Amino acid sequence: MQIISRKRWIGQEYSARLADLKGLQLPVEEPWPAMSTGCIWLVLSEEMGMDGCQFAQKLKKRGIKSRPFFLGMHEQPVFHERGPF
């Protein structure tokens, strides 16, 4: 339980420290189920003024590791091959 508590604290810290950035959508923790925040996802809007790679570079300069995780459905190669996007 101590590991989960630590991960939750880390996730809450990231959320608190990134909360004021316009154009950044943070995860919302619902009362149930409690998130363990083994990873925290962020969604950037155009208002952010940069793409995910540029944002990752800024995080890296501050000693924060990040990586792209999921592609949106509109970016999935299988959907491009089948033509709906």
N, C-alpha and C. Protein backbone atom coordinates (compact mmCIF):
# COMPACT_ATOMS: atom_id res chain seq x y z
N MET A 1 0.82 -1.20 0.00
CA MET A 1 0.00 0.00 0.00
C MET A 1 0.86 1.27 0.00
N GLN A 2 2.06 1.16 0.56
CA GLN A 2 2.95 2.31 0.62
C GLN A 2 3.36 2.75 -0.79
N ILE A 3 3.58 1.80 -1.69
CA ILE A 3 3.97 2.13 -3.07
C ILE A 3 2.84 2.89 -3.76
N ILE A 4 1.61 2.41 -3.60
CA ILE A 4 0.46 3.07 -4.23
C ILE A 4 0.28 4.47 -3.65
N SER A 5 0.42 4.62 -2.36
CA SER A 5 0.31 5.95 -1.73
C SER A 5 1.35 6.90 -2.30
N ARG A 6 2.55 6.42 -2.49
CA ARG A 6 3.63 7.26 -3.04
C ARG A 6 3.31 7.66 -4.48
N LYS A 7 2.85 6.71 -5.28
CA LYS A 7 2.50 7.02 -6.68
C LYS A 7 1.35 8.03 -6.74
N ARG A 8 0.37 7.87 -5.86
CA ARG A 8 -0.74 8.82 -5.84
C ARG A 8 -0.25 10.22 -5.47
N TRP A 9 0.66 10.29 -4.50
CA TRP A 9 1.21 11.58 -4.10
C TRP A 9 1.95 12.22 -5.28
N ILE A 10 2.75 11.43 -5.99
CA ILE A 10 3.48 11.94 -7.15
C ILE A 10 2.50 12.47 -8.20
N GLY A 11 1.46 11.70 -8.49
CA GLY A 11 0.45 12.14 -9.46
C GLY A 11 -0.23 13.43 -9.04
N GLN A 12 -0.53 13.56 -7.77
CA GLN A 12 -1.15 14.78 -7.26
C GLN A 12 -0.20 15.97 -7.36
N GLU A 13 1.08 15.73 -7.13
CA GLU A 13 2.08 16.79 -7.27
C GLU A 13 2.17 17.27 -8.72
N TYR A 14 2.23 16.33 -9.65
CA TYR A 14 2.26 16.72 -11.07
C TYR A 14 1.01 17.54 -11.41
N SER A 15 -0.13 17.06 -11.00
CA SER A 15 -1.38 17.77 -11.30
C SER A 15 -1.37 19.17 -10.71
N ALA A 16 -0.93 19.30 -9.48
CA ALA A 16 -0.90 20.61 -8.82
C ALA A 16 0.09 21.56 -9.51
N ARG A 17 1.24 21.04 -9.89
CA ARG A 17 2.28 21.89 -10.48
C ARG A 17 2.01 22.25 -11.93
N LEU A 18 1.20 21.44 -12.62
CA LEU A 18 0.89 21.71 -14.02
C LEU A 18 -0.49 22.35 -14.21
N ALA A 19 -1.23 22.51 -13.13
CA ALA A 19 -2.63 22.94 -13.21
C ALA A 19 -2.82 24.31 -13.87
N ASP A 20 -1.86 25.20 -13.77
CA ASP A 20 -2.03 26.55 -14.30
C ASP A 20 -1.64 26.71 -15.76
N LEU A 21 -1.16 25.64 -16.39
CA LEU A 21 -0.79 25.74 -17.80
C LEU A 21 -2.03 25.68 -18.68
N LYS A 22 -2.24 26.75 -19.44
CA LYS A 22 -3.38 26.79 -20.36
C LYS A 22 -3.11 25.83 -21.52
N GLY A 23 -4.15 25.12 -21.92
CA GLY A 23 -4.02 24.22 -23.04
C GLY A 23 -3.58 22.82 -22.65
N LEU A 24 -3.53 22.55 -21.36
CA LEU A 24 -3.10 21.24 -20.88
C LEU A 24 -4.26 20.60 -20.12
N GLN A 25 -4.66 19.43 -20.57
CA GLN A 25 -5.74 18.70 -19.90
C GLN A 25 -5.10 17.62 -19.03
N LEU A 26 -5.39 17.66 -17.75
CA LEU A 26 -4.86 16.71 -16.78
C LEU A 26 -5.91 15.66 -16.46
N PRO A 27 -5.48 14.50 -15.95
CA PRO A 27 -6.47 13.49 -15.56
C PRO A 27 -7.30 13.99 -14.38
N VAL A 28 -8.54 13.56 -14.37
CA VAL A 28 -9.44 13.90 -13.27
C VAL A 28 -9.64 12.63 -12.45
N GLU A 29 -9.36 12.73 -11.17
CA GLU A 29 -9.52 11.57 -10.31
C GLU A 29 -10.93 11.55 -9.75
N GLU A 30 -11.63 10.49 -10.04
CA GLU A 30 -12.98 10.30 -9.53
C GLU A 30 -12.89 9.65 -8.14
N PRO A 31 -13.96 9.78 -7.35
CA PRO A 31 -13.93 9.18 -6.01
C PRO A 31 -13.68 7.67 -6.04
N TRP A 32 -14.19 7.02 -7.08
CA TRP A 32 -13.96 5.59 -7.21
C TRP A 32 -13.79 5.27 -8.68
N PRO A 33 -12.87 4.52 -9.10
CA PRO A 33 -11.81 3.87 -8.35
C PRO A 33 -10.66 4.83 -8.14
N ALA A 34 -9.90 4.65 -7.11
CA ALA A 34 -8.72 5.48 -6.86
C ALA A 34 -7.65 5.15 -7.88
N MET A 35 -7.03 6.16 -8.44
CA MET A 35 -5.98 5.94 -9.42
C MET A 35 -4.66 5.70 -8.69
N SER A 36 -3.87 4.78 -9.21
CA SER A 36 -2.55 4.56 -8.62
C SER A 36 -1.52 5.50 -9.25
N THR A 37 -1.87 6.11 -10.37
CA THR A 37 -1.00 7.01 -11.13
C THR A 37 0.38 6.42 -11.37
N GLY A 38 0.41 5.16 -11.82
CA GLY A 38 1.66 4.57 -12.27
C GLY A 38 2.22 5.37 -13.43
N CYS A 39 1.32 5.99 -14.17
CA CYS A 39 1.70 6.96 -15.19
C CYS A 39 0.60 8.01 -15.19
N ILE A 40 0.93 9.18 -15.62
CA ILE A 40 -0.06 10.26 -15.69
C ILE A 40 -0.13 10.70 -17.15
N TRP A 41 -1.31 10.84 -17.66
CA TRP A 41 -1.46 11.23 -19.06
C TRP A 41 -1.82 12.71 -19.12
N LEU A 42 -1.39 13.34 -20.18
CA LEU A 42 -1.68 14.75 -20.43
C LEU A 42 -2.18 14.87 -21.86
N VAL A 43 -3.11 15.76 -22.07
CA VAL A 43 -3.60 16.04 -23.42
C VAL A 43 -3.31 17.51 -23.69
N LEU A 44 -2.63 17.77 -24.80
CA LEU A 44 -2.29 19.14 -25.18
C LEU A 44 -3.29 19.63 -26.22
N SER A 45 -3.76 20.84 -26.06
CA SER A 45 -4.60 21.45 -27.09
C SER A 45 -3.74 22.41 -27.91
N GLU A 46 -4.30 22.90 -28.98
CA GLU A 46 -3.57 23.86 -29.81
C GLU A 46 -3.21 25.11 -29.02
N GLU A 47 -4.03 25.43 -28.02
CA GLU A 47 -3.78 26.60 -27.17
C GLU A 47 -2.41 26.51 -26.48
N MET A 48 -1.92 25.30 -26.31
CA MET A 48 -0.63 25.08 -25.66
C MET A 48 0.50 25.68 -26.49
N GLY A 49 0.31 25.74 -27.81
CA GLY A 49 1.30 26.36 -28.68
C GLY A 49 2.49 25.48 -29.01
N MET A 50 2.38 24.18 -28.72
CA MET A 50 3.46 23.24 -29.05
C MET A 50 2.87 21.85 -29.16
N ASP A 51 3.62 20.97 -29.82
CA ASP A 51 3.15 19.60 -29.90
C ASP A 51 3.74 18.78 -28.75
N GLY A 52 3.39 17.51 -28.70
CA GLY A 52 3.82 16.65 -27.62
C GLY A 52 5.33 16.50 -27.54
N CYS A 53 5.99 16.44 -28.69
CA CYS A 53 7.45 16.30 -28.69
C CYS A 53 8.13 17.55 -28.13
N GLN A 54 7.63 18.71 -28.50
CA GLN A 54 8.19 19.95 -27.97
C GLN A 54 7.95 20.06 -26.46
N PHE A 55 6.75 19.66 -26.02
CA PHE A 55 6.44 19.70 -24.59
C PHE A 55 7.33 18.72 -23.84
N ALA A 56 7.55 17.54 -24.41
CA ALA A 56 8.43 16.54 -23.79
C ALA A 56 9.85 17.08 -23.64
N GLN A 57 10.32 17.84 -24.62
CA GLN A 57 11.67 18.42 -24.53
C GLN A 57 11.75 19.44 -23.39
N LYS A 58 10.69 20.22 -23.22
CA LYS A 58 10.67 21.18 -22.11
C LYS A 58 10.67 20.46 -20.76
N LEU A 59 9.91 19.37 -20.67
CA LEU A 59 9.91 18.59 -19.44
C LEU A 59 11.30 18.00 -19.19
N LYS A 60 11.92 17.48 -20.24
CA LYS A 60 13.24 16.86 -20.12
C LYS A 60 14.26 17.85 -19.58
N LYS A 61 14.20 19.11 -20.04
CA LYS A 61 15.12 20.13 -19.55
C LYS A 61 14.97 20.37 -18.05
N ARG A 62 13.80 20.01 -17.52
CA ARG A 62 13.54 20.17 -16.08
C ARG A 62 13.73 18.86 -15.32
N GLY A 63 14.28 17.86 -16.01
CA GLY A 63 14.56 16.59 -15.36
C GLY A 63 13.37 15.66 -15.24
N ILE A 64 12.34 15.89 -16.06
CA ILE A 64 11.12 15.08 -16.02
C ILE A 64 11.07 14.20 -17.27
N LYS A 65 11.07 12.91 -17.08
CA LYS A 65 11.00 11.98 -18.20
C LYS A 65 9.55 11.86 -18.67
N SER A 66 9.38 11.79 -19.97
CA SER A 66 8.04 11.59 -20.54
C SER A 66 8.18 10.85 -21.85
N ARG A 67 7.06 10.37 -22.34
CA ARG A 67 7.06 9.70 -23.64
C ARG A 67 5.63 9.69 -24.17
N PRO A 68 5.49 9.64 -25.51
CA PRO A 68 4.15 9.50 -26.06
C PRO A 68 3.61 8.13 -25.68
N PHE A 69 2.34 8.07 -25.41
CA PHE A 69 1.77 6.82 -24.93
C PHE A 69 0.76 6.26 -25.92
N PHE A 70 -0.33 6.96 -26.10
CA PHE A 70 -1.36 6.52 -27.03
C PHE A 70 -1.49 7.52 -28.16
N LEU A 71 -1.72 7.00 -29.34
CA LEU A 71 -2.08 7.86 -30.46
C LEU A 71 -3.59 7.98 -30.48
N GLY A 72 -4.08 9.14 -30.86
CA GLY A 72 -5.51 9.29 -31.05
C GLY A 72 -5.98 8.36 -32.16
N MET A 73 -7.25 8.00 -32.15
CA MET A 73 -7.77 7.10 -33.19
C MET A 73 -7.52 7.65 -34.58
N HIS A 74 -7.61 8.98 -34.72
CA HIS A 74 -7.41 9.59 -36.03
C HIS A 74 -5.95 9.49 -36.49
N GLU A 75 -5.04 9.10 -35.59
CA GLU A 75 -3.63 8.96 -35.94
C GLU A 75 -3.20 7.50 -36.08
N GLN A 76 -4.08 6.57 -35.81
CA GLN A 76 -3.75 5.15 -35.87
C GLN A 76 -3.60 4.72 -37.34
N PRO A 77 -2.48 4.09 -37.68
CA PRO A 77 -2.26 3.69 -39.08
C PRO A 77 -3.37 2.81 -39.65
N VAL A 78 -3.93 1.92 -38.87
CA VAL A 78 -4.97 1.03 -39.38
C VAL A 78 -6.18 1.82 -39.88
N PHE A 79 -6.51 2.92 -39.20
CA PHE A 79 -7.66 3.71 -39.63
C PHE A 79 -7.32 4.53 -40.87
N HIS A 80 -6.08 4.93 -41.03
CA HIS A 80 -5.68 5.63 -42.26
C HIS A 80 -5.76 4.68 -43.45
N GLU A 81 -5.36 3.42 -43.23
CA GLU A 81 -5.40 2.44 -44.31
C GLU A 81 -6.82 2.12 -44.73
N ARG A 82 -7.77 2.16 -43.81
CA ARG A 82 -9.15 1.82 -44.13
C ARG A 82 -9.97 3.02 -44.57
N GLY A 83 -9.44 4.22 -44.41
CA GLY A 83 -10.05 5.39 -44.99
C GLY A 83 -11.04 6.22 -44.19
N PRO A 84 -11.37 5.92 -42.91
CA PRO A 84 -12.38 6.77 -42.27
C PRO A 84 -11.85 8.17 -41.88
N PHE A 85 -10.53 8.34 -41.88
CA PHE A 85 -9.99 9.66 -41.53
C PHE A 85 -9.20 10.22 -42.67
